[in-house]
Amino acid sequence: KLKYLFPTVQNYKAEKSILGRSVEIDGMARVDD
């Protein structure tokens, strides 16, 4: 029922990012593009 069949959704954390701040995303999954 999602637009694509994604792998398991997981939390994503980056302590130092290109934004100059930490980034925490509640859920993230990627398949191809």
PDB file of all heavy atoms in Angstrom:
ATOM      1  N   LYS A   1       0.800  -1.220   0.000  1.00  0.00           N
ATOM      2  CA  LYS A   1       0.000   0.000   0.000  1.00  0.00           C
ATOM      3  C   LYS A   1       0.837   1.276   0.000  1.00  0.00           C
ATOM      4  O   LYS A   1       0.283   2.382   0.058  1.00  0.00           O
ATOM      5  CB  LYS A   1      -0.956  -0.011   1.202  1.00  0.00           C
ATOM      6  CG  LYS A   1      -2.003  -1.119   1.120  1.00  0.00           C
ATOM      7  CD  LYS A   1      -2.994  -1.047   2.267  1.00  0.00           C
ATOM      8  CE  LYS A   1      -4.057  -2.144   2.130  1.00  0.00           C
ATOM      9  NZ  LYS A   1      -5.062  -2.071   3.220  1.00  0.00           N
ATOM     10  N   LEU A   2       2.175   1.141  -0.019  1.00  0.00           N
ATOM     11  CA  LEU A   2       3.032   2.294  -0.246  1.00  0.00           C
ATOM     12  C   LEU A   2       3.325   2.369  -1.744  1.00  0.00           C
ATOM     13  O   LEU A   2       3.069   1.426  -2.492  1.00  0.00           O
ATOM     14  CB  LEU A   2       4.331   2.162   0.557  1.00  0.00           C
ATOM     15  CG  LEU A   2       4.184   2.039   2.075  1.00  0.00           C
ATOM     16  CD1 LEU A   2       5.559   1.956   2.731  1.00  0.00           C
ATOM     17  CD2 LEU A   2       3.390   3.186   2.650  1.00  0.00           C
ATOM     18  N   LYS A   3       3.863   3.464  -2.178  1.00  0.00           N
ATOM     19  CA  LYS A   3       4.109   3.641  -3.614  1.00  0.00           C
ATOM     20  C   LYS A   3       5.174   2.691  -4.131  1.00  0.00           C
ATOM     21  O   LYS A   3       5.208   2.357  -5.316  1.00  0.00           O
ATOM     22  CB  LYS A   3       4.488   5.089  -3.896  1.00  0.00           C
ATOM     23  CG  LYS A   3       3.329   6.059  -3.638  1.00  0.00           C
ATOM     24  CD  LYS A   3       3.737   7.499  -3.910  1.00  0.00           C
ATOM     25  CE  LYS A   3       2.558   8.440  -3.646  1.00  0.00           C
ATOM     26  NZ  LYS A   3       2.921   9.859  -3.876  1.00  0.00           N
ATOM     27  N   TYR A   4       6.063   2.275  -3.237  1.00  0.00           N
ATOM     28  CA  TYR A   4       7.130   1.339  -3.597  1.00  0.00           C
ATOM     29  C   TYR A   4       7.290   0.358  -2.448  1.00  0.00           C
ATOM     30  O   TYR A   4       6.887   0.634  -1.316  1.00  0.00           O
ATOM     31  CB  TYR A   4       8.454   2.082  -3.850  1.00  0.00           C
ATOM     32  CG  TYR A   4       8.360   3.080  -4.974  1.00  0.00           C
ATOM     33  CD1 TYR A   4       7.979   4.398  -4.727  1.00  0.00           C
ATOM     34  CD2 TYR A   4       8.625   2.709  -6.293  1.00  0.00           C
ATOM     35  CE1 TYR A   4       7.863   5.319  -5.762  1.00  0.00           C
ATOM     36  CE2 TYR A   4       8.525   3.624  -7.332  1.00  0.00           C
ATOM     37  CZ  TYR A   4       8.135   4.925  -7.056  1.00  0.00           C
ATOM     38  OH  TYR A   4       8.016   5.824  -8.083  1.00  0.00           O
ATOM     39  N   LEU A   5       7.897  -0.798  -2.725  1.00  0.00           N
ATOM     40  CA  LEU A   5       8.179  -1.766  -1.674  1.00  0.00           C
ATOM     41  C   LEU A   5       9.532  -1.422  -1.072  1.00  0.00           C
ATOM     42  O   LEU A   5      10.579  -1.648  -1.672  1.00  0.00           O
ATOM     43  CB  LEU A   5       8.194  -3.184  -2.246  1.00  0.00           C
ATOM     44  CG  LEU A   5       8.346  -4.317  -1.217  1.00  0.00           C
ATOM     45  CD1 LEU A   5       7.170  -4.314  -0.237  1.00  0.00           C
ATOM     46  CD2 LEU A   5       8.459  -5.662  -1.904  1.00  0.00           C
ATOM     47  N   PHE A   6       9.492  -0.833   0.116  1.00  0.00           N
ATOM     48  CA  PHE A   6      10.698  -0.366   0.766  1.00  0.00           C
ATOM     49  C   PHE A   6      11.255  -1.430   1.711  1.00  0.00           C
ATOM     50  O   PHE A   6      10.514  -2.303   2.184  1.00  0.00           O
ATOM     51  CB  PHE A   6      10.412   0.904   1.577  1.00  0.00           C
ATOM     52  CG  PHE A   6      10.184   2.126   0.739  1.00  0.00           C
ATOM     53  CD1 PHE A   6       8.900   2.510   0.372  1.00  0.00           C
ATOM     54  CD2 PHE A   6      11.255   2.910   0.323  1.00  0.00           C
ATOM     55  CE1 PHE A   6       8.680   3.643  -0.395  1.00  0.00           C
ATOM     56  CE2 PHE A   6      11.047   4.048  -0.442  1.00  0.00           C
ATOM     57  CZ  PHE A   6       9.767   4.416  -0.802  1.00  0.00           C
ATOM     58  N   PRO A   7      12.556  -1.360   2.036  1.00  0.00           N
ATOM     59  CA  PRO A   7      13.080  -2.184   3.128  1.00  0.00           C
ATOM     60  C   PRO A   7      12.536  -1.672   4.457  1.00  0.00           C
ATOM     61  O   PRO A   7      11.769  -0.700   4.496  1.00  0.00           O
ATOM     62  CB  PRO A   7      14.600  -1.980   3.016  1.00  0.00           C
ATOM     63  CG  PRO A   7      14.760  -0.663   2.331  1.00  0.00           C
ATOM     64  CD  PRO A   7      13.584  -0.541   1.399  1.00  0.00           C
ATOM     65  N   THR A   8      12.917  -2.296   5.553  1.00  0.00           N
ATOM     66  CA  THR A   8      12.418  -1.916   6.875  1.00  0.00           C
ATOM     67  C   THR A   8      12.699  -0.449   7.179  1.00  0.00           C
ATOM     68  O   THR A   8      13.803   0.048   6.961  1.00  0.00           O
ATOM     69  CB  THR A   8      13.066  -2.789   7.960  1.00  0.00           C
ATOM     70  OG1 THR A   8      12.793  -4.163   7.664  1.00  0.00           O
ATOM     71  CG2 THR A   8      12.512  -2.460   9.333  1.00  0.00           C
ATOM     72  N   VAL A   9      11.694   0.237   7.682  1.00  0.00           N
ATOM     73  CA  VAL A   9      11.845   1.647   8.059  1.00  0.00           C
ATOM     74  C   VAL A   9      12.630   1.735   9.357  1.00  0.00           C
ATOM     75  O   VAL A   9      12.295   1.071  10.350  1.00  0.00           O
ATOM     76  CB  VAL A   9      10.469   2.315   8.218  1.00  0.00           C
ATOM     77  CG1 VAL A   9      10.624   3.766   8.661  1.00  0.00           C
ATOM     78  CG2 VAL A   9       9.677   2.229   6.922  1.00  0.00           C
ATOM     79  N   GLN A  10      13.676   2.555   9.370  1.00  0.00           N
ATOM     80  CA  GLN A  10      14.534   2.676  10.548  1.00  0.00           C
ATOM     81  C   GLN A  10      14.787   4.138  10.888  1.00  0.00           C
ATOM     82  O   GLN A  10      14.725   5.012  10.020  1.00  0.00           O
ATOM     83  CB  GLN A  10      15.869   1.967  10.307  1.00  0.00           C
ATOM     84  CG  GLN A  10      15.743   0.465  10.099  1.00  0.00           C
ATOM     85  CD  GLN A  10      17.087  -0.197   9.859  1.00  0.00           C
ATOM     86  OE1 GLN A  10      17.980   0.392   9.282  1.00  0.00           O
ATOM     87  NE2 GLN A  10      17.220  -1.434  10.296  1.00  0.00           N
ATOM     88  N   ASN A  11      15.081   4.374  12.153  1.00  0.00           N
ATOM     89  CA  ASN A  11      15.466   5.698  12.610  1.00  0.00           C
ATOM     90  C   ASN A  11      16.800   6.099  11.976  1.00  0.00           C
ATOM     91  O   ASN A  11      17.661   5.257  11.735  1.00  0.00           O
ATOM     92  CB  ASN A  11      15.578   5.680  14.142  1.00  0.00           C
ATOM     93  CG  ASN A  11      16.045   6.999  14.710  1.00  0.00           C
ATOM     94  OD1 ASN A  11      17.225   7.200  14.908  1.00  0.00           O
ATOM     95  ND2 ASN A  11      15.114   7.891  14.959  1.00  0.00           N
ATOM     96  N   TYR A  12      16.961   7.390  11.691  1.00  0.00           N
ATOM     97  CA  TYR A  12      18.216   7.877  11.102  1.00  0.00           C
ATOM     98  C   TYR A  12      18.744   9.028  11.955  1.00  0.00           C
ATOM     99  O   TYR A  12      18.014   9.980  12.268  1.00  0.00           O
ATOM    100  CB  TYR A  12      17.987   8.349   9.668  1.00  0.00           C
ATOM    101  CG  TYR A  12      19.251   8.852   8.994  1.00  0.00           C
ATOM    102  CD1 TYR A  12      20.076   7.987   8.294  1.00  0.00           C
ATOM    103  CD2 TYR A  12      19.622  10.195   9.087  1.00  0.00           C
ATOM    104  CE1 TYR A  12      21.246   8.437   7.693  1.00  0.00           C
ATOM    105  CE2 TYR A  12      20.786  10.651   8.492  1.00  0.00           C
ATOM    106  CZ  TYR A  12      21.592   9.770   7.791  1.00  0.00           C
ATOM    107  OH  TYR A  12      22.743  10.218   7.214  1.00  0.00           O
ATOM    108  N   LYS A  13      20.037   8.936  12.309  1.00  0.00           N
ATOM    109  CA  LYS A  13      20.682   9.980  13.094  1.00  0.00           C
ATOM    110  C   LYS A  13      21.987  10.401  12.446  1.00  0.00           C
ATOM    111  O   LYS A  13      22.744   9.554  11.975  1.00  0.00           O
ATOM    112  CB  LYS A  13      21.004   9.486  14.517  1.00  0.00           C
ATOM    113  CG  LYS A  13      19.794   9.208  15.384  1.00  0.00           C
ATOM    114  CD  LYS A  13      20.253   8.774  16.765  1.00  0.00           C
ATOM    115  CE  LYS A  13      19.074   8.475  17.681  1.00  0.00           C
ATOM    116  NZ  LYS A  13      19.535   8.096  19.036  1.00  0.00           N
ATOM    117  N   ALA A  14      22.237  11.708  12.420  1.00  0.00           N
ATOM    118  CA  ALA A  14      23.523  12.236  11.965  1.00  0.00           C
ATOM    119  C   ALA A  14      23.940  13.325  12.952  1.00  0.00           C
ATOM    120  O   ALA A  14      23.246  14.338  13.085  1.00  0.00           O
ATOM    121  CB  ALA A  14      23.422  12.797  10.563  1.00  0.00           C
ATOM    122  N   GLU A  15      25.028  13.087  13.667  1.00  0.00           N
ATOM    123  CA  GLU A  15      25.480  14.031  14.693  1.00  0.00           C
ATOM    124  C   GLU A  15      26.046  15.305  14.070  1.00  0.00           C
ATOM    125  O   GLU A  15      25.871  16.400  14.584  1.00  0.00           O
ATOM    126  CB  GLU A  15      26.526  13.364  15.588  1.00  0.00           C
ATOM    127  CG  GLU A  15      26.013  12.124  16.327  1.00  0.00           C
ATOM    128  CD  GLU A  15      24.882  12.436  17.278  1.00  0.00           C
ATOM    129  OE1 GLU A  15      24.802  13.574  17.756  1.00  0.00           O
ATOM    130  OE2 GLU A  15      24.058  11.534  17.534  1.00  0.00           O
ATOM    131  N   LYS A  16      26.735  15.176  12.962  1.00  0.00           N
ATOM    132  CA  LYS A  16      27.278  16.330  12.248  1.00  0.00           C
ATOM    133  C   LYS A  16      26.844  16.213  10.795  1.00  0.00           C
ATOM    134  O   LYS A  16      27.155  15.233  10.127  1.00  0.00           O
ATOM    135  CB  LYS A  16      28.805  16.360  12.343  1.00  0.00           C
ATOM    136  CG  LYS A  16      29.332  16.604  13.741  1.00  0.00           C
ATOM    137  CD  LYS A  16      30.855  16.638  13.742  1.00  0.00           C
ATOM    138  CE  LYS A  16      31.398  16.873  15.146  1.00  0.00           C
ATOM    139  NZ  LYS A  16      32.885  16.877  15.170  1.00  0.00           N
ATOM    140  N   SER A  17      26.125  17.198  10.327  1.00  0.00           N
ATOM    141  CA  SER A  17      25.614  17.139   8.961  1.00  0.00           C
ATOM    142  C   SER A  17      26.006  18.389   8.192  1.00  0.00           C
ATOM    143  O   SER A  17      26.518  19.364   8.758  1.00  0.00           O
ATOM    144  CB  SER A  17      24.083  17.006   8.974  1.00  0.00           C
ATOM    145  OG  SER A  17      23.486  18.246   9.346  1.00  0.00           O
ATOM    146  N   ILE A  18      25.732  18.388   6.904  1.00  0.00           N
ATOM    147  CA  ILE A  18      26.052  19.543   6.061  1.00  0.00           C
ATOM    148  C   ILE A  18      25.193  20.749   6.424  1.00  0.00           C
ATOM    149  O   ILE A  18      25.480  21.876   5.980  1.00  0.00           O
ATOM    150  CB  ILE A  18      25.867  19.195   4.571  1.00  0.00           C
ATOM    151  CG1 ILE A  18      24.422  18.755   4.291  1.00  0.00           C
ATOM    152  CG2 ILE A  18      26.852  18.120   4.129  1.00  0.00           C
ATOM    153  CD1 ILE A  18      24.128  18.534   2.822  1.00  0.00           C
ATOM    154  N   LEU A  19      24.162  20.548   7.228  1.00  0.00           N
ATOM    155  CA  LEU A  19      23.303  21.660   7.657  1.00  0.00           C
ATOM    156  C   LEU A  19      23.898  22.418   8.836  1.00  0.00           C
ATOM    157  O   LEU A  19      23.348  23.436   9.259  1.00  0.00           O
ATOM    158  CB  LEU A  19      21.914  21.132   8.037  1.00  0.00           C
ATOM    159  CG  LEU A  19      21.127  20.421   6.934  1.00  0.00           C
ATOM    160  CD1 LEU A  19      19.816  19.876   7.480  1.00  0.00           C
ATOM    161  CD2 LEU A  19      20.862  21.359   5.768  1.00  0.00           C
ATOM    162  N   GLY A  20      24.997  21.896   9.366  1.00  0.00           N
ATOM    163  CA  GLY A  20      25.617  22.532  10.526  1.00  0.00           C
ATOM    164  C   GLY A  20      24.908  22.218  11.825  1.00  0.00           C
ATOM    165  O   GLY A  20      25.121  22.889  12.838  1.00  0.00           O
ATOM    166  N   ARG A  21      24.060  21.231  11.808  1.00  0.00           N
ATOM    167  CA  ARG A  21      23.345  20.791  13.019  1.00  0.00           C
ATOM    168  C   ARG A  21      23.141  19.294  12.962  1.00  0.00           C
ATOM    169  O   ARG A  21      23.297  18.664  11.912  1.00  0.00           O
ATOM    170  CB  ARG A  21      21.992  21.500  13.137  1.00  0.00           C
ATOM    171  CG  ARG A  21      21.009  21.176  12.001  1.00  0.00           C
ATOM    172  CD  ARG A  21      19.627  21.769  12.289  1.00  0.00           C
ATOM    173  NE  ARG A  21      18.699  21.647  11.167  1.00  0.00           N
ATOM    174  CZ  ARG A  21      17.951  20.575  10.919  1.00  0.00           C
ATOM    175  NH1 ARG A  21      18.050  19.497  11.698  1.00  0.00           N
ATOM    176  NH2 ARG A  21      17.109  20.551   9.892  1.00  0.00           N
ATOM    177  N   SER A  22      22.795  18.726  14.114  1.00  0.00           N
ATOM    178  CA  SER A  22      22.469  17.306  14.127  1.00  0.00           C
ATOM    179  C   SER A  22      21.110  17.099  13.479  1.00  0.00           C
ATOM    180  O   SER A  22      20.251  17.991  13.508  1.00  0.00           O
ATOM    181  CB  SER A  22      22.458  16.767  15.562  1.00  0.00           C
ATOM    182  OG  SER A  22      21.453  17.416  16.316  1.00  0.00           O
ATOM    183  N   VAL A  23      20.938  15.934  12.882  1.00  0.00           N
ATOM    184  CA  VAL A  23      19.686  15.592  12.208  1.00  0.00           C
ATOM    185  C   VAL A  23      19.198  14.260  12.752  1.00  0.00           C
ATOM    186  O   VAL A  23      19.967  13.305  12.848  1.00  0.00           O
ATOM    187  CB  VAL A  23      19.889  15.492  10.685  1.00  0.00           C
ATOM    188  CG1 VAL A  23      18.660  14.866  10.018  1.00  0.00           C
ATOM    189  CG2 VAL A  23      20.164  16.869  10.079  1.00  0.00           C
ATOM    190  N   GLU A  24      17.943  14.216  13.144  1.00  0.00           N
ATOM    191  CA  GLU A  24      17.339  12.945  13.543  1.00  0.00           C
ATOM    192  C   GLU A  24      15.993  12.822  12.836  1.00  0.00           C
ATOM    193  O   GLU A  24      15.125  13.683  13.002  1.00  0.00           O
ATOM    194  CB  GLU A  24      17.159  12.841  15.049  1.00  0.00           C
ATOM    195  CG  GLU A  24      16.577  11.500  15.469  1.00  0.00           C
ATOM    196  CD  GLU A  24      16.710  11.206  16.955  1.00  0.00           C
ATOM    197  OE1 GLU A  24      17.309  12.026  17.671  1.00  0.00           O
ATOM    198  OE2 GLU A  24      16.216  10.149  17.384  1.00  0.00           O
ATOM    199  N   ILE A  25      15.867  11.789  12.041  1.00  0.00           N
ATOM    200  CA  ILE A  25      14.628  11.528  11.304  1.00  0.00           C
ATOM    201  C   ILE A  25      13.979  10.285  11.886  1.00  0.00           C
ATOM    202  O   ILE A  25      14.627   9.245  12.048  1.00  0.00           O
ATOM    203  CB  ILE A  25      14.930  11.351   9.800  1.00  0.00           C
ATOM    204  CG1 ILE A  25      15.501  12.673   9.222  1.00  0.00           C
ATOM    205  CG2 ILE A  25      13.674  10.953   9.035  1.00  0.00           C
ATOM    206  CD1 ILE A  25      15.945  12.578   7.783  1.00  0.00           C
ATOM    207  N   ASP A  26      12.694  10.399  12.221  1.00  0.00           N
ATOM    208  CA  ASP A  26      12.008   9.312  12.922  1.00  0.00           C
ATOM    209  C   ASP A  26      12.021   8.010  12.138  1.00  0.00           C
ATOM    210  O   ASP A  26      12.079   6.925  12.714  1.00  0.00           O
ATOM    211  CB  ASP A  26      10.562   9.712  13.232  1.00  0.00           C
ATOM    212  CG  ASP A  26      10.485  10.856  14.235  1.00  0.00           C
ATOM    213  OD1 ASP A  26      11.464  11.042  14.987  1.00  0.00           O
ATOM    214  OD2 ASP A  26       9.458  11.558  14.257  1.00  0.00           O
ATOM    215  N   GLY A  27      11.931   8.102  10.831  1.00  0.00           N
ATOM    216  CA  GLY A  27      11.946   6.896  10.000  1.00  0.00           C
ATOM    217  C   GLY A  27      12.454   7.201   8.612  1.00  0.00           C
ATOM    218  O   GLY A  27      12.164   8.266   8.048  1.00  0.00           O
ATOM    219  N   MET A  28      13.239   6.283   8.080  1.00  0.00           N
ATOM    220  CA  MET A  28      13.804   6.472   6.745  1.00  0.00           C
ATOM    221  C   MET A  28      14.013   5.116   6.099  1.00  0.00           C
ATOM    222  O   MET A  28      14.406   4.154   6.756  1.00  0.00           O
ATOM    223  CB  MET A  28      15.129   7.227   6.842  1.00  0.00           C
ATOM    224  CG  MET A  28      15.723   7.650   5.499  1.00  0.00           C
ATOM    225  SD  MET A  28      16.775   6.370   4.751  1.00  0.00           S
ATOM    226  CE  MET A  28      18.190   6.394   5.822  1.00  0.00           C
ATOM    227  N   ALA A  29      13.720   5.040   4.805  1.00  0.00           N
ATOM    228  CA  ALA A  29      13.999   3.830   4.033  1.00  0.00           C
ATOM    229  C   ALA A  29      14.251   4.259   2.592  1.00  0.00           C
ATOM    230  O   ALA A  29      13.666   5.238   2.112  1.00  0.00           O
ATOM    231  CB  ALA A  29      12.841   2.843   4.112  1.00  0.00           C
ATOM    232  N   ARG A  30      15.108   3.506   1.914  1.00  0.00           N
ATOM    233  CA  ARG A  30      15.456   3.860   0.532  1.00  0.00           C
ATOM    234  C   ARG A  30      15.477   2.608  -0.339  1.00  0.00           C
ATOM    235  O   ARG A  30      15.956   1.554   0.073  1.00  0.00           O
ATOM    236  CB  ARG A  30      16.820   4.546   0.483  1.00  0.00           C
ATOM    237  CG  ARG A  30      17.308   4.841  -0.937  1.00  0.00           C
ATOM    238  CD  ARG A  30      18.676   5.479  -0.936  1.00  0.00           C
ATOM    239  NE  ARG A  30      19.186   5.620  -2.300  1.00  0.00           N
ATOM    240  CZ  ARG A  30      20.368   6.155  -2.620  1.00  0.00           C
ATOM    241  NH1 ARG A  30      21.157   6.623  -1.667  1.00  0.00           N
ATOM    242  NH2 ARG A  30      20.734   6.224  -3.884  1.00  0.00           N
ATOM    243  N   VAL A  31      14.918   2.730  -1.535  1.00  0.00           N
ATOM    244  CA  VAL A  31      15.037   1.693  -2.533  1.00  0.00           C
ATOM    245  C   VAL A  31      15.276   2.392  -3.871  1.00  0.00           C
ATOM    246  O   VAL A  31      14.510   3.271  -4.272  1.00  0.00           O
ATOM    247  CB  VAL A  31      13.783   0.786  -2.585  1.00  0.00           C
ATOM    248  CG1 VAL A  31      12.521   1.578  -2.847  1.00  0.00           C
ATOM    249  CG2 VAL A  31      13.945  -0.311  -3.617  1.00  0.00           C
ATOM    250  N   ASP A  32      16.376   2.045  -4.527  1.00  0.00           N
ATOM    251  CA  ASP A  32      16.783   2.697  -5.777  1.00  0.00           C
ATOM    252  C   ASP A  32      16.842   4.209  -5.559  1.00  0.00           C
ATOM    253  O   ASP A  32      17.539   4.658  -4.667  1.00  0.00           O
ATOM    254  CB  ASP A  32      15.830   2.318  -6.915  1.00  0.00           C
ATOM    255  CG  ASP A  32      15.815   0.811  -7.172  1.00  0.00           C
ATOM    256  OD1 ASP A  32      16.884   0.188  -6.996  1.00  0.00           O
ATOM    257  OD2 ASP A  32      14.758   0.259  -7.524  1.00  0.00           O
ATOM    258  N   ASP A  33      16.073   4.975  -6.330  1.00  0.00           N
ATOM    259  CA  ASP A  33      16.098   6.433  -6.185  1.00  0.00           C
ATOM    260  C   ASP A  33      14.898   6.964  -5.407  1.00  0.00           C
ATOM    261  O   ASP A  33      14.581   8.159  -5.467  1.00  0.00           O
ATOM    262  CB  ASP A  33      16.132   7.100  -7.570  1.00  0.00           C
ATOM    263  CG  ASP A  33      17.484   6.947  -8.252  1.00  0.00           C
ATOM    264  OD1 ASP A  33      18.481   6.719  -7.538  1.00  0.00           O
ATOM    265  OD2 ASP A  33      17.540   7.029  -9.496  1.00  0.00           O
TER     266      ASP A  33
END
